Amino acid sequence: MLFGCSLLLSSYFVFGQDQPLLLDGKIDKYPIVMEITIYDTTCDIRYFYLNQKKDIRLEGTVNGNGEIKAKSPDRGDKNMIKEKIDLKKIASGYTGTWINNKKRLIITLKETSADKYSNQYEYLSGIKELKKEYPYDYIKTADFAFTKELTSKNGVAEIEWNTEKYSAIRMPRIKSFYFSSVLQKINTVLLERHLIESKNFLECSSGAFGEYNLSVDPIFGHENILSINIIISYYCGGAHPDFASEGLNFDGHTGELLKLDKTFWFGKTEPPAEDSDKWYSYRDGVFAPKIVELFRSIYPDQMKPPRESDEQQCDFTDPEVWDFPNWYFTEKGLYFGAVFGRVARVCDQPEWSVIPYKLLTPYLNPNAKVKLPE
């Protein structure tokens, strides 16, 4: 769920021409990278200073000669630094002026591409996708750097916490217990996720009242399973803030990232291919009703329909809230987090919704090599 959200954030401003203009150059003596998305006579601009990485956004107009006049959007943030940019198209790119109150600086820009930049993380699939689809973000992540901080112990796993330099987003790496080949697979996934979430922070928190908060809880380190739950709350503009969570679940013996429908069969046969029509029908007609059935037997009190007098109308008997739950492993069993519509988001992710491992054994994929905790 979250990774799709991450890519959505990347495309926040990319809905104008087929390919936004990608430019680099300087404001005065300070190197920047800029992306301009043009919609007929209007445009959106975002740019970052290479030594800061945080997006700065402007909105403006474009005339028939390619002249651009843009300014900071007025969205009610009195503490936001207001600036204006006037750009004139020339043969080699753009030239113009950056204005803030009485301060005026010269801008020089030329067209660029992701190929001109070396990204030390290009071997990661998510960064390869940025290069292809979102070159501006590929350039931004090129020299992200991490500082190793404190360590902690979660079950059998020793955790090393890393903080990214520009965003201050902190995420774990697994330091010991599992075989080195397993550690490498797990930490590669965690590194890629750390890069994407750091990029999202720098993009999202730059808007009026924007914020992006990430935490990791819980971490379950078991010899058979490593499970990490990522929680994000964010406001990137629009009507409402939002939040989401996603479990990353690894086979402790192979390091492979587990998929729910490849690990458990809640019907009589293997679930259909993910994102197919039959898969959605399976989640709606087989998977979710089975989860409701299990929870009714384990938690009869929590699974009672809400009364009219209840302050929070959390109807956990509705199979739809279990269609696409967050899931991760815990000491007590497999956690499923219900997902409600916006009007009832307070009901999301109840604390109690855990299925003990002994009750999951009949639903374990007969071809799966993963071993459940006891």
Foldseek 3Di string as FASTA:
>chain_A
DVVVVLVVLLCVFPDAPPAWFWKWFDFAPFTKIKTWGDHPFKIKIWMDTLVALFIAIWIWTADPQRWTKIWHDPDPQPPDQIKIWTWGADPFGIWTWIDGPHDITITDMGTDALVVDAAPLCVAPVLVVCRVPPSNLNRSLRDWDWDWDDWDDAPPWIWIWIATDNQRDIDIQTDDDFPPQLSVLQRSVRVSVNSSLSSSQSHQQNHRVWGKDKDKPDWHDDQQKTKIKIKMWIDRDDDDTDIDMAMFMAGRHRNDTDDPQQWFAQDPDRADDPPDPSNLCCLQPGVLQSLLVQCCVVPVPVQDQDDPPDPARQHSNRSVQQSDFHWTADPQAIATWGQDPPVRRVNTGDPPSGDGPVVRVVGTDPPDPGDDDD
